[in-house]
Amino acid sequence: MVRPADRLLAADVSRHGIGTALARTLVTVNESMYVATWFLFALFLAAAAVLGLTGGRRALGGSAAAIAAFTVVAAPLAFNGVGQASELLFFAWTIGASITLLRGETKSAGIPVTA
């Protein structure tokens, strides 16, 4: 349901365009949400690290933990370009993990399983 105030705002923007203040606000919100996705990557990698280390896949778990730590440290430094490397590392880890899991190789973690 469209409210009348929304229609008036849309009509005003279509006639006069958006101002620089609104444009800056929209760009800032966009940048903030982009950087926030890096923390979601770190959360996913931390969970994958726990599963990898407890499931006997030490290389996957260790690399996920390292990338998650790098992401948490580098995300506040996002304005100089260091934080963007964490996104590239996440995608590279995802490809590497996919290939490793498709090959189906497992190594025992040395943790006894009790039933």
N, C-alpha and C. Protein backbone atom coordinates (compact mmCIF):
# COMPACT_ATOMS: atom_id res chain seq x y z
N MET A 1 0.84 -1.17 0.00
CA MET A 1 0.00 0.00 0.00
C MET A 1 0.89 1.24 0.00
N VAL A 2 0.66 2.13 -0.92
CA VAL A 2 1.44 3.35 -1.04
C VAL A 2 0.73 4.47 -0.30
N ARG A 3 1.47 5.09 0.59
CA ARG A 3 0.89 6.19 1.35
C ARG A 3 0.89 7.46 0.51
N PRO A 4 -0.03 8.38 0.77
CA PRO A 4 -0.06 9.64 0.00
C PRO A 4 1.22 10.45 0.14
N ALA A 5 1.84 10.40 1.32
CA ALA A 5 3.09 11.16 1.51
C ALA A 5 4.19 10.61 0.61
N ASP A 6 4.22 9.29 0.41
CA ASP A 6 5.21 8.68 -0.48
C ASP A 6 5.00 9.12 -1.93
N ARG A 7 3.76 9.23 -2.32
CA ARG A 7 3.46 9.69 -3.68
C ARG A 7 3.90 11.14 -3.87
N LEU A 8 3.68 11.96 -2.86
CA LEU A 8 4.11 13.36 -2.96
C LEU A 8 5.63 13.46 -3.03
N LEU A 9 6.32 12.68 -2.22
CA LEU A 9 7.78 12.68 -2.25
C LEU A 9 8.28 12.20 -3.60
N ALA A 10 7.70 11.13 -4.13
CA ALA A 10 8.12 10.61 -5.43
C ALA A 10 7.87 11.63 -6.53
N ALA A 11 6.74 12.32 -6.46
CA ALA A 11 6.44 13.33 -7.47
C ALA A 11 7.42 14.50 -7.37
N ASP A 12 7.78 14.90 -6.16
CA ASP A 12 8.71 16.01 -5.98
C ASP A 12 10.10 15.64 -6.48
N VAL A 13 10.54 14.42 -6.19
CA VAL A 13 11.86 13.97 -6.64
C VAL A 13 11.88 13.84 -8.15
N SER A 14 10.79 13.39 -8.74
CA SER A 14 10.78 13.24 -10.19
C SER A 14 10.79 14.59 -10.89
N ARG A 15 10.23 15.61 -10.25
CA ARG A 15 10.24 16.95 -10.86
C ARG A 15 11.56 17.67 -10.64
N HIS A 16 12.10 17.57 -9.44
CA HIS A 16 13.27 18.39 -9.09
C HIS A 16 14.56 17.60 -8.94
N GLY A 17 14.49 16.28 -8.97
CA GLY A 17 15.69 15.47 -8.75
C GLY A 17 16.02 15.42 -7.27
N ILE A 18 17.08 14.70 -6.96
CA ILE A 18 17.47 14.63 -5.56
C ILE A 18 18.57 15.66 -5.32
N GLY A 19 18.61 16.15 -4.11
CA GLY A 19 19.63 17.13 -3.77
C GLY A 19 20.94 16.45 -3.41
N THR A 20 21.96 17.26 -3.23
CA THR A 20 23.27 16.70 -2.90
C THR A 20 23.28 16.07 -1.51
N ALA A 21 22.50 16.60 -0.59
CA ALA A 21 22.46 16.02 0.75
C ALA A 21 21.87 14.62 0.73
N LEU A 22 20.78 14.46 -0.01
CA LEU A 22 20.18 13.13 -0.12
C LEU A 22 21.09 12.17 -0.87
N ALA A 23 21.74 12.65 -1.90
CA ALA A 23 22.66 11.80 -2.66
C ALA A 23 23.82 11.34 -1.79
N ARG A 24 24.38 12.24 -1.01
CA ARG A 24 25.48 11.87 -0.10
C ARG A 24 25.01 10.87 0.94
N THR A 25 23.82 11.06 1.45
CA THR A 25 23.27 10.14 2.45
C THR A 25 23.10 8.76 1.86
N LEU A 26 22.56 8.68 0.64
CA LEU A 26 22.37 7.38 0.00
C LEU A 26 23.70 6.68 -0.28
N VAL A 27 24.70 7.43 -0.70
CA VAL A 27 26.02 6.85 -0.96
C VAL A 27 26.66 6.36 0.34
N THR A 28 26.51 7.13 1.40
CA THR A 28 27.07 6.73 2.69
C THR A 28 26.41 5.47 3.22
N VAL A 29 25.09 5.39 3.08
CA VAL A 29 24.38 4.18 3.52
C VAL A 29 24.82 2.98 2.68
N ASN A 30 24.98 3.19 1.39
CA ASN A 30 25.44 2.11 0.50
C ASN A 30 26.83 1.62 0.91
N GLU A 31 27.75 2.53 1.17
CA GLU A 31 29.09 2.14 1.58
C GLU A 31 29.09 1.42 2.92
N SER A 32 28.26 1.89 3.83
CA SER A 32 28.19 1.27 5.16
C SER A 32 27.65 -0.15 5.07
N MET A 33 26.65 -0.35 4.26
CA MET A 33 26.10 -1.70 4.11
C MET A 33 27.09 -2.62 3.41
N TYR A 34 27.86 -2.09 2.49
CA TYR A 34 28.89 -2.88 1.81
C TYR A 34 29.95 -3.35 2.80
N VAL A 35 30.40 -2.45 3.66
CA VAL A 35 31.39 -2.81 4.67
C VAL A 35 30.79 -3.77 5.69
N ALA A 36 29.52 -3.62 6.00
CA ALA A 36 28.86 -4.51 6.96
C ALA A 36 28.82 -5.95 6.45
N THR A 37 28.80 -6.14 5.14
CA THR A 37 28.81 -7.51 4.62
C THR A 37 30.11 -8.22 4.94
N TRP A 38 31.19 -7.47 5.12
CA TRP A 38 32.46 -8.10 5.47
C TRP A 38 32.36 -8.77 6.84
N PHE A 39 31.63 -8.16 7.76
CA PHE A 39 31.46 -8.78 9.07
C PHE A 39 30.60 -10.04 8.97
N LEU A 40 29.66 -10.06 8.03
CA LEU A 40 28.90 -11.28 7.80
C LEU A 40 29.81 -12.38 7.25
N PHE A 41 30.74 -12.01 6.36
CA PHE A 41 31.72 -12.97 5.86
C PHE A 41 32.55 -13.52 7.02
N ALA A 42 32.98 -12.63 7.92
CA ALA A 42 33.79 -13.06 9.06
C ALA A 42 33.00 -14.00 9.97
N LEU A 43 31.73 -13.72 10.18
CA LEU A 43 30.90 -14.59 11.00
C LEU A 43 30.75 -15.97 10.35
N PHE A 44 30.52 -16.00 9.06
CA PHE A 44 30.42 -17.27 8.34
C PHE A 44 31.73 -18.03 8.42
N LEU A 45 32.84 -17.34 8.21
CA LEU A 45 34.15 -18.00 8.25
C LEU A 45 34.48 -18.51 9.65
N ALA A 46 34.08 -17.77 10.68
CA ALA A 46 34.32 -18.24 12.05
C ALA A 46 33.55 -19.53 12.31
N ALA A 47 32.31 -19.59 11.85
CA ALA A 47 31.53 -20.82 12.01
C ALA A 47 32.15 -21.96 11.20
N ALA A 48 32.60 -21.66 10.00
CA ALA A 48 33.24 -22.69 9.17
C ALA A 48 34.55 -23.14 9.80
N ALA A 49 35.26 -22.23 10.46
CA ALA A 49 36.51 -22.60 11.12
C ALA A 49 36.26 -23.58 12.26
N VAL A 50 35.24 -23.30 13.05
CA VAL A 50 34.91 -24.22 14.15
C VAL A 50 34.55 -25.59 13.60
N LEU A 51 33.71 -25.62 12.59
CA LEU A 51 33.31 -26.91 12.01
C LEU A 51 34.49 -27.62 11.35
N GLY A 52 35.33 -26.87 10.69
CA GLY A 52 36.48 -27.48 10.03
C GLY A 52 37.48 -28.05 11.01
N LEU A 53 37.75 -27.30 12.08
CA LEU A 53 38.73 -27.77 13.05
C LEU A 53 38.21 -28.95 13.86
N THR A 54 36.94 -28.96 14.19
CA THR A 54 36.39 -30.09 14.94
C THR A 54 36.06 -31.27 14.05
N GLY A 55 35.91 -31.04 12.76
CA GLY A 55 35.56 -32.12 11.83
C GLY A 55 36.75 -32.76 11.15
N GLY A 56 37.96 -32.37 11.52
CA GLY A 56 39.13 -33.03 10.95
C GLY A 56 39.68 -32.38 9.70
N ARG A 57 39.19 -31.25 9.33
CA ARG A 57 39.71 -30.55 8.15
C ARG A 57 40.48 -29.32 8.64
N ARG A 58 41.72 -29.59 9.06
CA ARG A 58 42.51 -28.55 9.70
C ARG A 58 42.90 -27.43 8.75
N ALA A 59 43.18 -27.75 7.50
CA ALA A 59 43.57 -26.71 6.54
C ALA A 59 42.40 -25.76 6.27
N LEU A 60 41.21 -26.32 6.08
CA LEU A 60 40.04 -25.47 5.85
C LEU A 60 39.70 -24.65 7.09
N GLY A 61 39.72 -25.29 8.24
CA GLY A 61 39.38 -24.60 9.47
C GLY A 61 40.39 -23.52 9.83
N GLY A 62 41.66 -23.83 9.68
CA GLY A 62 42.70 -22.86 10.00
C GLY A 62 42.69 -21.66 9.07
N SER A 63 42.51 -21.93 7.78
CA SER A 63 42.48 -20.82 6.83
C SER A 63 41.23 -19.96 7.02
N ALA A 64 40.12 -20.60 7.35
CA ALA A 64 38.90 -19.83 7.62
C ALA A 64 39.07 -18.95 8.85
N ALA A 65 39.70 -19.48 9.88
CA ALA A 65 39.94 -18.69 11.10
C ALA A 65 40.87 -17.52 10.82
N ALA A 66 41.91 -17.75 10.01
CA ALA A 66 42.85 -16.68 9.70
C ALA A 66 42.18 -15.58 8.87
N ILE A 67 41.37 -15.96 7.91
CA ILE A 67 40.70 -14.96 7.08
C ILE A 67 39.65 -14.21 7.90
N ALA A 68 38.96 -14.90 8.80
CA ALA A 68 37.98 -14.23 9.66
C ALA A 68 38.67 -13.22 10.56
N ALA A 69 39.81 -13.59 11.13
CA ALA A 69 40.55 -12.65 11.98
C ALA A 69 41.05 -11.45 11.17
N PHE A 70 41.56 -11.71 9.97
CA PHE A 70 42.01 -10.62 9.11
C PHE A 70 40.85 -9.68 8.77
N THR A 71 39.69 -10.25 8.50
CA THR A 71 38.53 -9.43 8.15
C THR A 71 38.12 -8.53 9.30
N VAL A 72 38.08 -9.07 10.51
CA VAL A 72 37.68 -8.27 11.67
C VAL A 72 38.69 -7.15 11.92
N VAL A 73 39.97 -7.43 11.69
CA VAL A 73 40.99 -6.40 11.91
C VAL A 73 41.00 -5.39 10.77
N ALA A 74 40.81 -5.85 9.53
CA ALA A 74 40.96 -4.98 8.37
C ALA A 74 39.71 -4.18 8.04
N ALA A 75 38.55 -4.61 8.49
CA ALA A 75 37.31 -3.90 8.15
C ALA A 75 37.29 -2.45 8.66
N PRO A 76 37.77 -2.15 9.86
CA PRO A 76 37.81 -0.74 10.26
C PRO A 76 38.76 0.11 9.41
N LEU A 77 39.69 -0.53 8.74
CA LEU A 77 40.63 0.18 7.88
C LEU A 77 40.17 0.20 6.44
N ALA A 78 38.86 0.09 6.22
CA ALA A 78 38.31 -0.10 4.88
C ALA A 78 38.56 1.09 3.96
N PHE A 79 38.84 2.24 4.50
CA PHE A 79 38.95 3.41 3.63
C PHE A 79 40.28 3.50 2.91
N ASN A 80 41.26 2.68 3.30
CA ASN A 80 42.51 2.69 2.56
C ASN A 80 42.66 1.47 1.66
N GLY A 81 41.63 0.67 1.52
CA GLY A 81 41.64 -0.44 0.59
C GLY A 81 42.03 -1.78 1.19
N VAL A 82 42.53 -1.81 2.43
CA VAL A 82 42.94 -3.07 3.03
C VAL A 82 41.74 -3.96 3.29
N GLY A 83 40.63 -3.38 3.69
CA GLY A 83 39.44 -4.16 4.00
C GLY A 83 38.86 -4.89 2.81
N GLN A 84 39.06 -4.37 1.62
CA GLN A 84 38.50 -5.02 0.44
C GLN A 84 39.22 -6.32 0.12
N ALA A 85 40.44 -6.48 0.61
CA ALA A 85 41.15 -7.73 0.39
C ALA A 85 40.45 -8.88 1.09
N SER A 86 39.76 -8.59 2.19
CA SER A 86 39.07 -9.66 2.91
C SER A 86 37.95 -10.26 2.08
N GLU A 87 37.31 -9.45 1.27
CA GLU A 87 36.26 -9.98 0.39
C GLU A 87 36.86 -10.92 -0.65
N LEU A 88 37.98 -10.53 -1.22
CA LEU A 88 38.67 -11.38 -2.19
C LEU A 88 39.13 -12.68 -1.54
N LEU A 89 39.66 -12.59 -0.32
CA LEU A 89 40.09 -13.79 0.39
C LEU A 89 38.91 -14.71 0.69
N PHE A 90 37.76 -14.12 1.04
CA PHE A 90 36.57 -14.93 1.30
C PHE A 90 36.16 -15.70 0.06
N PHE A 91 36.14 -15.04 -1.09
CA PHE A 91 35.74 -15.73 -2.32
C PHE A 91 36.78 -16.78 -2.72
N ALA A 92 38.06 -16.49 -2.53
CA ALA A 92 39.09 -17.48 -2.83
C ALA A 92 38.97 -18.68 -1.89
N TRP A 93 38.69 -18.42 -0.60
CA TRP A 93 38.50 -19.52 0.35
C TRP A 93 37.29 -20.36 -0.05
N THR A 94 36.22 -19.72 -0.47
CA THR A 94 35.01 -20.45 -0.88
C THR A 94 35.30 -21.38 -2.05
N ILE A 95 36.05 -20.90 -3.02
CA ILE A 95 36.41 -21.74 -4.17
C ILE A 95 37.31 -22.89 -3.73
N GLY A 96 38.31 -22.58 -2.91
CA GLY A 96 39.21 -23.62 -2.42
C GLY A 96 38.49 -24.66 -1.57
N ALA A 97 37.59 -24.20 -0.70
CA ALA A 97 36.83 -25.13 0.13
C ALA A 97 35.91 -26.00 -0.72
N SER A 98 35.33 -25.43 -1.74
CA SER A 98 34.45 -26.20 -2.63
C SER A 98 35.23 -27.31 -3.34
N ILE A 99 36.39 -26.98 -3.83
CA ILE A 99 37.22 -27.98 -4.52
C ILE A 99 37.66 -29.06 -3.55
N THR A 100 38.10 -28.65 -2.35
CA THR A 100 38.54 -29.61 -1.35
C THR A 100 37.41 -30.54 -0.93
N LEU A 101 36.24 -30.00 -0.72
CA LEU A 101 35.11 -30.82 -0.30
C LEU A 101 34.60 -31.72 -1.42
N LEU A 102 34.72 -31.27 -2.66
CA LEU A 102 34.32 -32.12 -3.79
C LEU A 102 35.24 -33.32 -3.94
N ARG A 103 36.52 -33.15 -3.62
CA ARG A 103 37.46 -34.25 -3.71
C ARG A 103 37.21 -35.28 -2.63
N GLY A 104 36.59 -34.89 -1.54
CA GLY A 104 36.17 -35.82 -0.51
C GLY A 104 37.27 -36.37 0.37
N GLU A 105 38.40 -35.69 0.44
CA GLU A 105 39.49 -36.17 1.28
C GLU A 105 39.25 -35.75 2.72
N THR A 106 39.39 -36.69 3.62
CA THR A 106 39.27 -36.38 5.04
C THR A 106 40.47 -36.92 5.78
N LYS A 107 40.85 -36.26 6.84
CA LYS A 107 41.92 -36.72 7.71
C LYS A 107 41.37 -36.78 9.10
N SER A 108 41.79 -37.76 9.83
CA SER A 108 41.30 -37.92 11.19
C SER A 108 41.85 -36.81 12.07
N ALA A 109 41.00 -36.26 12.89
CA ALA A 109 41.41 -35.19 13.79
C ALA A 109 42.03 -35.74 15.06
N GLY A 110 41.98 -37.05 15.24
CA GLY A 110 42.53 -37.65 16.44
C GLY A 110 41.64 -37.50 17.65
N ILE A 111 40.39 -37.12 17.42
CA ILE A 111 39.44 -36.94 18.51
C ILE A 111 38.59 -38.21 18.56
N PRO A 112 38.61 -38.89 19.71
CA PRO A 112 37.81 -40.11 19.78
C PRO A 112 36.32 -39.79 19.78
N VAL A 113 35.58 -40.62 19.09
CA VAL A 113 34.13 -40.44 19.00
C VAL A 113 33.47 -41.44 19.94
N THR A 114 32.65 -40.93 20.84
CA THR A 114 31.94 -41.81 21.76
C THR A 114 30.48 -41.80 21.41
N ALA A 115 29.87 -42.95 21.50
CA ALA A 115 28.46 -43.05 21.15
C ALA A 115 27.59 -43.10 22.39
